[in-house]
Amino acid sequence: DRGYTGKISHWWDSCLLYDDVMIDWRYEGIICGYVNLYRKTRDKKWLERAVKAGADCVRNQLPTGNFLNSNFQIGAIEGGTPHEAGVDIGLLELAKLLKEIKNERWKKYFLSAEKNIKNYLIGQLWNGGGFQDQPWNPVLVPNKNATIIEALLLYGELSRKNMKKYIEKAGQVIIKAQVQEGPAKGGII
């Protein structure tokens, strides 16, 4: 009733220590999966499941804009990257679908993602050259910037706000991390 729970199987040491509600990257998969099922079948049960998962995220959003326990790498704390951007993607995909079918509930999910994007992603992680791993960790991680790009593209589409300066700089972070030679040439470290 509070949201999806369960341990996360991952190589981080702390991943199996916590199994209560976490509003993390899993919600991107849950919401987008239901949205895609609805788009393919038009069966309203999938739409309502997407809405229920989106409601978990909104209900567990903190006044700061962060999502409850979004970080499992360093313990169940807020500010998980790329987890919070993943939640934003799920919320924005749901908002996009609801807006397309002229369902006014779209605004609730859009505003939740917008609050996180403005307060956390741009407000705390943006350093002018890309998005940092954490407010206290200035490392620019390519996969985390890639997830944020996806969230910003959806946000820009729905809000009609220009996110170009953020997207281009985050894209440069990814390109700079590309392997230049050897068997992994073209891959990202």
Protein backbone atom coordinates (compact mmCIF):
# COMPACT_ATOMS: atom_id res chain seq x y z
CA ASP A 1 0.00 0.00 0.00
CA ARG A 2 3.04 2.34 0.34
CA GLY A 3 4.78 1.26 -2.85
CA TYR A 4 6.89 -1.55 -4.26
CA THR A 5 9.38 -3.12 -1.91
CA GLY A 6 12.03 -5.78 -1.99
CA LYS A 7 15.75 -6.20 -2.03
CA ILE A 8 17.75 -5.10 -5.05
CA SER A 9 20.17 -7.57 -6.57
CA HIS A 10 23.21 -5.53 -7.55
CA TRP A 11 26.98 -5.58 -7.05
CA TRP A 12 26.96 -2.72 -4.51
CA ASP A 13 27.65 -3.94 -0.96
CA SER A 14 24.54 -2.36 0.53
CA CYS A 15 22.05 -3.62 -2.05
CA LEU A 16 20.65 -6.48 0.02
CA LEU A 17 20.47 -4.65 3.35
CA TYR A 18 17.17 -2.84 2.82
CA ASP A 19 13.87 -4.15 1.54
CA ASP A 20 11.25 -1.50 2.29
CA VAL A 21 9.72 1.00 -0.14
CA MET A 22 12.19 2.67 -2.50
CA ILE A 23 11.12 5.13 -5.18
CA ASP A 24 14.01 4.42 -7.51
CA TRP A 25 14.77 3.38 -11.10
CA ARG A 26 12.45 0.39 -10.79
CA TYR A 27 9.51 2.77 -11.06
CA GLU A 28 10.65 3.83 -14.53
CA GLY A 29 10.33 0.21 -15.64
CA ILE A 30 7.05 -0.36 -13.83
CA ILE A 31 5.33 2.77 -15.12
CA CYS A 32 6.73 2.63 -18.66
CA GLY A 33 5.90 -1.07 -18.88
CA TYR A 34 2.27 -0.42 -18.01
CA VAL A 35 2.13 2.62 -20.31
CA ASN A 36 3.45 0.50 -23.19
CA LEU A 37 0.98 -2.28 -22.44
CA TYR A 38 -1.86 0.24 -22.48
CA ARG A 39 -0.65 1.77 -25.76
CA LYS A 40 -0.56 -1.69 -27.39
CA THR A 41 -3.81 -3.11 -26.01
CA ARG A 42 -5.94 -0.10 -24.93
CA ASP A 43 -6.88 -2.23 -21.94
CA LYS A 44 -7.66 0.23 -19.13
CA LYS A 45 -6.33 -2.12 -16.44
CA TRP A 46 -2.78 -1.30 -17.63
CA LEU A 47 -3.46 2.41 -17.54
CA GLU A 48 -4.81 2.20 -14.00
CA ARG A 49 -1.76 0.20 -12.88
CA ALA A 50 0.50 2.87 -14.39
CA VAL A 51 -1.52 5.54 -12.56
CA LYS A 52 -1.24 3.59 -9.29
CA ALA A 53 2.55 3.32 -9.65
CA GLY A 54 2.73 7.02 -10.53
CA ALA A 55 0.70 7.79 -7.42
CA ASP A 56 3.27 5.86 -5.34
CA CYS A 57 5.95 8.22 -6.64
CA VAL A 58 3.93 11.39 -6.04
CA ARG A 59 2.89 10.23 -2.56
CA ASN A 60 6.51 9.43 -1.65
CA GLN A 61 7.99 12.66 -2.99
CA LEU A 62 9.60 14.80 -0.31
CA PRO A 63 9.22 18.59 0.02
CA THR A 64 12.74 18.91 -1.46
CA GLY A 65 11.55 17.26 -4.68
CA ASN A 66 13.55 14.10 -4.00
CA PHE A 67 11.93 10.69 -3.87
CA LEU A 68 11.90 8.49 -0.77
CA ASN A 69 14.87 6.13 -0.48
CA SER A 70 15.85 6.58 -4.12
CA ASN A 71 19.46 5.54 -3.59
CA PHE A 72 20.49 1.95 -2.89
CA GLN A 73 24.20 2.22 -3.70
CA ILE A 74 25.09 3.99 -0.47
CA GLY A 75 22.07 3.01 1.56
CA ALA A 76 18.40 3.83 1.51
CA ILE A 77 18.67 7.60 1.29
CA GLU A 78 17.30 10.23 -1.07
CA GLY A 79 19.14 11.56 -4.08
CA GLY A 80 19.83 8.42 -6.07
CA THR A 81 21.42 8.89 -9.47
CA PRO A 82 20.30 7.96 -12.07
CA HIS A 83 17.35 6.64 -10.06
CA GLU A 84 15.50 9.91 -9.55
CA ALA A 85 15.83 10.79 -13.25
CA GLY A 86 14.41 7.31 -13.99
CA VAL A 87 11.41 8.04 -11.79
CA ASP A 88 10.98 11.34 -13.66
CA ILE A 89 11.01 9.43 -16.98
CA GLY A 90 8.24 7.13 -15.75
CA LEU A 91 6.17 10.04 -14.46
CA LEU A 92 6.64 12.02 -17.67
CA GLU A 93 5.77 9.06 -19.91
CA LEU A 94 2.59 8.62 -17.86
CA ALA A 95 1.84 12.36 -18.04
CA LYS A 96 2.39 12.31 -21.82
CA LEU A 97 -0.04 9.42 -22.26
CA LEU A 98 -2.69 10.97 -20.01
CA LYS A 99 -2.38 14.30 -21.81
CA GLU A 100 -2.78 12.53 -25.19
CA ILE A 101 -6.02 10.92 -24.03
CA LYS A 102 -7.17 14.24 -22.54
CA ASN A 103 -7.10 13.04 -18.95
CA GLU A 104 -6.43 15.95 -16.60
CA ARG A 105 -4.56 13.69 -14.16
CA TRP A 106 -1.49 14.22 -16.35
CA LYS A 107 -0.69 17.49 -14.57
CA LYS A 108 -0.11 15.80 -11.21
CA TYR A 109 2.57 13.48 -12.60
CA PHE A 110 4.13 16.21 -14.72
CA LEU A 111 4.39 18.59 -11.75
CA SER A 112 5.98 15.91 -9.58
CA ALA A 113 8.69 15.24 -12.20
CA GLU A 114 9.14 18.97 -12.77
CA LYS A 115 9.74 19.56 -9.06
CA ASN A 116 12.48 16.91 -9.02
CA ILE A 117 14.06 18.16 -12.24
CA LYS A 118 14.16 21.78 -11.08
CA ASN A 119 15.08 21.23 -7.43
CA TYR A 120 17.41 18.26 -7.64
CA LEU A 121 18.68 17.47 -11.13
CA ILE A 122 19.24 21.08 -12.20
CA GLY A 123 19.20 22.68 -8.76
CA GLN A 124 21.79 20.41 -7.14
CA LEU A 125 23.49 18.17 -9.69
CA TRP A 126 24.06 20.61 -12.58
CA ASN A 127 27.56 22.13 -12.47
CA GLY A 128 27.59 23.97 -15.79
CA GLY A 129 29.40 21.18 -17.59
CA GLY A 130 27.15 18.22 -16.87
CA PHE A 131 25.28 16.54 -14.05
CA GLN A 132 27.34 15.42 -11.05
CA ASP A 133 27.01 12.02 -9.43
CA GLN A 134 25.85 13.63 -6.16
CA PRO A 135 25.80 17.20 -4.81
CA TRP A 136 28.93 16.31 -2.80
CA ASN A 137 30.57 14.18 -5.54
CA PRO A 138 31.60 16.18 -8.63
CA VAL A 139 32.27 13.12 -10.82
CA LEU A 140 30.41 13.24 -14.15
CA VAL A 141 29.14 9.72 -14.86
CA PRO A 142 28.06 9.06 -18.48
CA ASN A 143 25.15 6.70 -17.82
CA LYS A 144 23.71 9.05 -15.23
CA ASN A 145 23.94 11.99 -17.63
CA ALA A 146 22.28 9.82 -20.31
CA THR A 147 19.31 9.05 -18.06
CA ILE A 148 18.98 12.73 -17.18
CA ILE A 149 19.04 13.62 -20.90
CA GLU A 150 16.09 11.29 -21.47
CA ALA A 151 14.16 12.92 -18.62
CA LEU A 152 14.97 16.41 -19.92
CA LEU A 153 13.86 15.53 -23.46
CA LEU A 154 10.48 14.39 -22.15
CA TYR A 155 10.23 17.39 -19.83
CA GLY A 156 11.05 19.80 -22.65
CA GLU A 157 8.46 18.17 -24.89
CA LEU A 158 5.69 18.47 -22.30
CA SER A 159 6.66 21.86 -20.85
CA ARG A 160 7.77 23.49 -24.11
CA LYS A 161 10.84 24.74 -22.19
CA ASN A 162 14.22 24.74 -23.90
CA MET A 163 16.53 22.23 -22.22
CA LYS A 164 19.17 22.45 -24.96
CA LYS A 165 22.02 23.82 -22.81
CA TYR A 166 21.68 20.97 -20.31
CA ILE A 167 21.19 18.26 -22.93
CA GLU A 168 24.17 19.33 -25.05
CA LYS A 169 26.58 19.52 -22.10
CA ALA A 170 25.39 16.18 -20.71
CA GLY A 171 25.84 14.72 -24.20
CA GLN A 172 29.44 15.96 -24.20
CA VAL A 173 30.02 14.08 -20.93
CA ILE A 174 28.96 10.88 -22.68
CA ILE A 175 31.07 11.53 -25.79
CA LYS A 176 34.18 12.30 -23.70
CA ALA A 177 33.83 8.92 -22.00
CA GLN A 178 33.73 7.00 -25.28
CA VAL A 179 36.52 4.46 -25.76
CA GLN A 180 38.75 5.52 -28.67
CA GLU A 181 40.62 2.29 -29.43
CA GLY A 182 40.78 -1.42 -28.75
CA PRO A 183 38.02 -4.04 -28.73
CA ALA A 184 35.63 -1.76 -26.82
CA LYS A 185 36.07 1.15 -29.29
CA GLY A 186 32.91 3.21 -29.40
CA GLY A 187 31.70 1.93 -26.03
CA ILE A 188 31.27 4.11 -22.98
CA ILE A 189 33.28 3.65 -19.80
